[in-house]
Amino acid sequence: MRDGVIQAPHVAVSIFGKGLNRHLYTRVYFDDEEANKSDPVLNSIPEDLRSKLIAKEIEPDCYEISIRLQGEGESVFFDV
């Protein structure tokens, strides 16, 4: 819950590895989730970038998303 609003189902992701001097934080939402429309965090992201946080269902109960650390199509990361 954030600001009294229930958030859409999502997976919180933290990435850290060689060459990164800080953790990167992002979220993965699910394309078939109706609650995405009212999620306060997802809706705080500019509309043209939201799709980078949404995994596509490729078969029943199986989702796919690409996380790109830099360059064209870079994923959305949060400052926490």
C-alpha atoms as a PDB file:
ATOM      1  CA  MET A   1       0.000   0.000   0.000  1.00  0.00           C
ATOM      2  CA  ARG A   2       1.291   3.467  -0.844  1.00  0.00           C
ATOM      3  CA  ASP A   3      -0.462   6.658   0.255  1.00  0.00           C
ATOM      4  CA  GLY A   4      -3.487   4.554   1.177  1.00  0.00           C
ATOM      5  CA  VAL A   5      -3.769   3.052  -2.321  1.00  0.00           C
ATOM      6  CA  ILE A   6      -3.293  -0.663  -2.926  1.00  0.00           C
ATOM      7  CA  GLN A   7      -0.586  -1.316  -5.499  1.00  0.00           C
ATOM      8  CA  ALA A   8      -0.911  -3.650  -8.467  1.00  0.00           C
ATOM      9  CA  PRO A   9       0.806  -7.040  -8.182  1.00  0.00           C
ATOM     10  CA  HIS A  10       4.464  -6.636  -9.078  1.00  0.00           C
ATOM     11  CA  VAL A  11       7.937  -8.027  -8.437  1.00  0.00           C
ATOM     12  CA  ALA A  12      10.542  -5.726  -6.876  1.00  0.00           C
ATOM     13  CA  VAL A  13      13.945  -6.262  -8.523  1.00  0.00           C
ATOM     14  CA  SER A  14      17.367  -5.234  -7.228  1.00  0.00           C
ATOM     15  CA  ILE A  15      20.395  -5.563  -9.499  1.00  0.00           C
ATOM     16  CA  PHE A  16      24.023  -5.356  -8.444  1.00  0.00           C
ATOM     17  CA  GLY A  17      27.087  -6.681 -10.145  1.00  0.00           C
ATOM     18  CA  LYS A  18      30.616  -6.105 -11.302  1.00  0.00           C
ATOM     19  CA  GLY A  19      30.983  -2.661 -12.811  1.00  0.00           C
ATOM     20  CA  LEU A  20      27.994  -1.216 -10.949  1.00  0.00           C
ATOM     21  CA  ASN A  21      28.878   1.087  -8.065  1.00  0.00           C
ATOM     22  CA  ARG A  22      25.338   1.034  -6.645  1.00  0.00           C
ATOM     23  CA  HIS A  23      22.274  -1.187  -6.662  1.00  0.00           C
ATOM     24  CA  LEU A  24      19.676  -0.600  -9.354  1.00  0.00           C
ATOM     25  CA  TYR A  25      16.014  -0.960  -8.404  1.00  0.00           C
ATOM     26  CA  THR A  26      13.096  -1.575 -10.711  1.00  0.00           C
ATOM     27  CA  ARG A  27       9.719  -3.294 -10.734  1.00  0.00           C
ATOM     28  CA  VAL A  28       8.065  -5.834 -12.986  1.00  0.00           C
ATOM     29  CA  TYR A  29       4.312  -5.535 -13.527  1.00  0.00           C
ATOM     30  CA  PHE A  30       2.121  -7.985 -15.473  1.00  0.00           C
ATOM     31  CA  ASP A  31       0.375  -7.007 -18.702  1.00  0.00           C
ATOM     32  CA  ASP A  32      -2.892  -8.762 -17.868  1.00  0.00           C
ATOM     33  CA  GLU A  33      -3.336  -7.048 -14.495  1.00  0.00           C
ATOM     34  CA  GLU A  34      -6.286  -4.645 -14.361  1.00  0.00           C
ATOM     35  CA  ALA A  35      -4.881  -2.952 -11.220  1.00  0.00           C
ATOM     36  CA  ASN A  36      -2.014  -1.487 -13.297  1.00  0.00           C
ATOM     37  CA  LYS A  37      -4.379   1.321 -14.295  1.00  0.00           C
ATOM     38  CA  SER A  38      -4.536   2.629 -10.726  1.00  0.00           C
ATOM     39  CA  ASP A  39      -1.084   1.718  -9.390  1.00  0.00           C
ATOM     40  CA  PRO A  40       0.446   4.911  -7.939  1.00  0.00           C
ATOM     41  CA  VAL A  41       4.064   3.948  -8.654  1.00  0.00           C
ATOM     42  CA  LEU A  42       3.453   2.796 -12.221  1.00  0.00           C
ATOM     43  CA  ASN A  43       1.402   5.898 -12.923  1.00  0.00           C
ATOM     44  CA  SER A  44       4.189   8.149 -11.598  1.00  0.00           C
ATOM     45  CA  ILE A  45       6.306   7.052 -14.588  1.00  0.00           C
ATOM     46  CA  PRO A  46       5.882   8.972 -17.862  1.00  0.00           C
ATOM     47  CA  GLU A  47       3.392   7.109 -20.029  1.00  0.00           C
ATOM     48  CA  ASP A  48       5.903   6.453 -22.835  1.00  0.00           C
ATOM     49  CA  LEU A  49       8.223   4.609 -20.392  1.00  0.00           C
ATOM     50  CA  ARG A  50       5.676   2.468 -18.514  1.00  0.00           C
ATOM     51  CA  SER A  51       5.818  -0.383 -21.011  1.00  0.00           C
ATOM     52  CA  LYS A  52       9.449  -1.006 -19.965  1.00  0.00           C
ATOM     53  CA  LEU A  53       8.139  -2.138 -16.571  1.00  0.00           C
ATOM     54  CA  ILE A  54       5.448  -4.485 -17.877  1.00  0.00           C
ATOM     55  CA  ALA A  55       6.134  -8.158 -18.552  1.00  0.00           C
ATOM     56  CA  LYS A  56       4.220  -9.743 -21.424  1.00  0.00           C
ATOM     57  CA  GLU A  57       2.435 -13.035 -20.941  1.00  0.00           C
ATOM     58  CA  ILE A  58       3.969 -15.443 -23.469  1.00  0.00           C
ATOM     59  CA  GLU A  59       1.963 -18.491 -22.379  1.00  0.00           C
ATOM     60  CA  PRO A  60      -0.375 -19.139 -19.457  1.00  0.00           C
ATOM     61  CA  ASP A  61       1.327 -18.051 -16.226  1.00  0.00           C
ATOM     62  CA  CYS A  62       4.637 -17.401 -17.992  1.00  0.00           C
ATOM     63  CA  TYR A  63       5.831 -13.818 -18.506  1.00  0.00           C
ATOM     64  CA  GLU A  64       8.813 -12.257 -20.230  1.00  0.00           C
ATOM     65  CA  ILE A  65      10.565  -8.919 -19.811  1.00  0.00           C
ATOM     66  CA  SER A  66      13.972  -7.587 -20.832  1.00  0.00           C
ATOM     67  CA  ILE A  67      15.967  -5.548 -18.360  1.00  0.00           C
ATOM     68  CA  ARG A  68      18.552  -3.357 -20.060  1.00  0.00           C
ATOM     69  CA  LEU A  69      21.149  -1.628 -17.923  1.00  0.00           C
ATOM     70  CA  GLN A  70      22.029   1.087 -20.416  1.00  0.00           C
ATOM     71  CA  GLY A  71      21.685   2.276 -23.971  1.00  0.00           C
ATOM     72  CA  GLU A  72      18.682   2.228 -26.251  1.00  0.00           C
ATOM     73  CA  GLY A  73      15.688   0.739 -24.479  1.00  0.00           C
ATOM     74  CA  GLU A  74      17.254   1.164 -21.034  1.00  0.00           C
ATOM     75  CA  SER A  75      14.947  -0.049 -18.284  1.00  0.00           C
ATOM     76  CA  VAL A  76      13.339   2.308 -15.783  1.00  0.00           C
ATOM     77  CA  PHE A  77      15.225   2.388 -12.472  1.00  0.00           C
ATOM     78  CA  PHE A  78      14.090   4.016  -9.235  1.00  0.00           C
ATOM     79  CA  ASP A  79      16.054   6.139  -6.766  1.00  0.00           C
ATOM     80  CA  VAL A  80      15.451   4.612  -3.345  1.00  0.00           C
END
